[in-house]
């Protein structure tokens, strides 16, 4: 793939969401970072029932279906 882009999210130590994220990630057997990425991806993808467009390669498939931007 390409270079990695990093976003930083900060919570106050008193926010209960922190414990909820840790607990849910533990239940799923993933890191909190992976859980957050999964949540963002689920929200951004929406409830589309549209069929996928075939691609010549896996990368082409991901570009054609909106998961990756084309290489520059």
C-alpha atoms as a PDB file:
ATOM      1  CA  UNK A   1       0.000   0.000   0.000  1.00  0.00           C
ATOM      2  CA  UNK A   2       1.166   3.587   0.494  1.00  0.00           C
ATOM      3  CA  UNK A   3       2.479   5.547   3.412  1.00  0.00           C
ATOM      4  CA  UNK A   4       0.520   5.446   6.652  1.00  0.00           C
ATOM      5  CA  UNK A   5      -1.687   8.345   7.785  1.00  0.00           C
ATOM      6  CA  UNK A   6      -2.155   8.741  11.538  1.00  0.00           C
ATOM      7  CA  UNK A   7      -4.966  10.506  13.407  1.00  0.00           C
ATOM      8  CA  UNK A   8      -4.820  11.183  17.115  1.00  0.00           C
ATOM      9  CA  UNK A   9      -7.930  10.961  19.302  1.00  0.00           C
ATOM     10  CA  UNK A  10      -7.846  12.196  22.882  1.00  0.00           C
ATOM     11  CA  UNK A  11     -10.247  11.433  25.706  1.00  0.00           C
ATOM     12  CA  UNK A  12     -10.304  12.805  29.229  1.00  0.00           C
ATOM     13  CA  UNK A  13      -9.358  10.107  31.734  1.00  0.00           C
ATOM     14  CA  UNK A  14     -12.807  10.455  33.347  1.00  0.00           C
ATOM     15  CA  UNK A  15     -14.740   9.712  30.145  1.00  0.00           C
ATOM     16  CA  UNK A  16     -16.454   6.349  30.422  1.00  0.00           C
ATOM     17  CA  UNK A  17     -16.010   5.657  26.714  1.00  0.00           C
ATOM     18  CA  UNK A  18     -12.375   4.762  27.411  1.00  0.00           C
ATOM     19  CA  UNK A  19     -13.364   1.779  29.570  1.00  0.00           C
ATOM     20  CA  UNK A  20     -16.063   0.779  27.076  1.00  0.00           C
ATOM     21  CA  UNK A  21     -13.567   0.812  24.192  1.00  0.00           C
ATOM     22  CA  UNK A  22     -11.078  -1.298  26.146  1.00  0.00           C
ATOM     23  CA  UNK A  23     -13.740  -3.804  27.175  1.00  0.00           C
ATOM     24  CA  UNK A  24     -15.229  -4.173  23.688  1.00  0.00           C
ATOM     25  CA  UNK A  25     -11.778  -4.517  22.092  1.00  0.00           C
ATOM     26  CA  UNK A  26     -10.898  -7.219  24.602  1.00  0.00           C
ATOM     27  CA  UNK A  27     -14.124  -9.102  23.855  1.00  0.00           C
ATOM     28  CA  UNK A  28     -13.343  -8.937  20.118  1.00  0.00           C
ATOM     29  CA  UNK A  29      -9.711  -9.962  20.666  1.00  0.00           C
ATOM     30  CA  UNK A  30      -8.359  -6.828  18.969  1.00  0.00           C
ATOM     31  CA  UNK A  31      -6.617  -3.630  20.053  1.00  0.00           C
ATOM     32  CA  UNK A  32      -8.532  -0.464  20.876  1.00  0.00           C
ATOM     33  CA  UNK A  33      -6.986   1.130  17.780  1.00  0.00           C
ATOM     34  CA  UNK A  34      -8.307  -1.699  15.589  1.00  0.00           C
ATOM     35  CA  UNK A  35     -11.756  -1.342  17.169  1.00  0.00           C
ATOM     36  CA  UNK A  36     -11.828   2.403  16.494  1.00  0.00           C
ATOM     37  CA  UNK A  37     -10.760   1.844  12.873  1.00  0.00           C
ATOM     38  CA  UNK A  38     -13.468  -0.824  12.486  1.00  0.00           C
ATOM     39  CA  UNK A  39     -16.120   1.555  13.900  1.00  0.00           C
ATOM     40  CA  UNK A  40     -15.096   4.407  11.613  1.00  0.00           C
ATOM     41  CA  UNK A  41     -15.049   2.104   8.580  1.00  0.00           C
ATOM     42  CA  UNK A  42     -18.502   0.722   9.407  1.00  0.00           C
ATOM     43  CA  UNK A  43     -19.986   4.202   9.747  1.00  0.00           C
ATOM     44  CA  UNK A  44     -18.354   5.566   6.602  1.00  0.00           C
ATOM     45  CA  UNK A  45     -19.394   2.580   4.454  1.00  0.00           C
ATOM     46  CA  UNK A  46     -23.048   2.951   5.401  1.00  0.00           C
ATOM     47  CA  UNK A  47     -25.736   0.433   4.525  1.00  0.00           C
ATOM     48  CA  UNK A  48     -25.053   0.194   0.819  1.00  0.00           C
ATOM     49  CA  UNK A  49     -26.517  -2.850  -0.883  1.00  0.00           C
ATOM     50  CA  UNK A  50     -24.840  -1.905  -4.154  1.00  0.00           C
ATOM     51  CA  UNK A  51     -23.021  -4.696  -5.951  1.00  0.00           C
ATOM     52  CA  UNK A  52     -19.253  -4.518  -6.193  1.00  0.00           C
ATOM     53  CA  UNK A  53     -17.443  -3.793  -9.444  1.00  0.00           C
ATOM     54  CA  UNK A  54     -14.968  -6.485 -10.548  1.00  0.00           C
ATOM     55  CA  UNK A  55     -11.328  -5.522 -10.913  1.00  0.00           C
ATOM     56  CA  UNK A  56      -8.344  -6.932 -12.791  1.00  0.00           C
ATOM     57  CA  UNK A  57      -6.290  -7.176  -9.566  1.00  0.00           C
ATOM     58  CA  UNK A  58      -7.101  -6.920  -5.869  1.00  0.00           C
ATOM     59  CA  UNK A  59      -5.836  -3.338  -5.835  1.00  0.00           C
ATOM     60  CA  UNK A  60      -7.914  -2.481  -8.918  1.00  0.00           C
ATOM     61  CA  UNK A  61     -10.971  -4.025  -7.231  1.00  0.00           C
ATOM     62  CA  UNK A  62     -10.415  -1.948  -4.072  1.00  0.00           C
ATOM     63  CA  UNK A  63      -9.977   1.261  -6.098  1.00  0.00           C
ATOM     64  CA  UNK A  64     -13.068   0.633  -8.231  1.00  0.00           C
ATOM     65  CA  UNK A  65     -15.175  -0.053  -5.139  1.00  0.00           C
ATOM     66  CA  UNK A  66     -14.050   2.975  -3.142  1.00  0.00           C
ATOM     67  CA  UNK A  67     -11.768   1.314  -0.584  1.00  0.00           C
ATOM     68  CA  UNK A  68      -8.504   2.800  -1.951  1.00  0.00           C
ATOM     69  CA  UNK A  69      -7.659   5.906  -3.901  1.00  0.00           C
ATOM     70  CA  UNK A  70      -5.800   5.371  -7.191  1.00  0.00           C
ATOM     71  CA  UNK A  71      -2.007   5.491  -7.108  1.00  0.00           C
ATOM     72  CA  UNK A  72      -0.570   8.850  -8.108  1.00  0.00           C
END
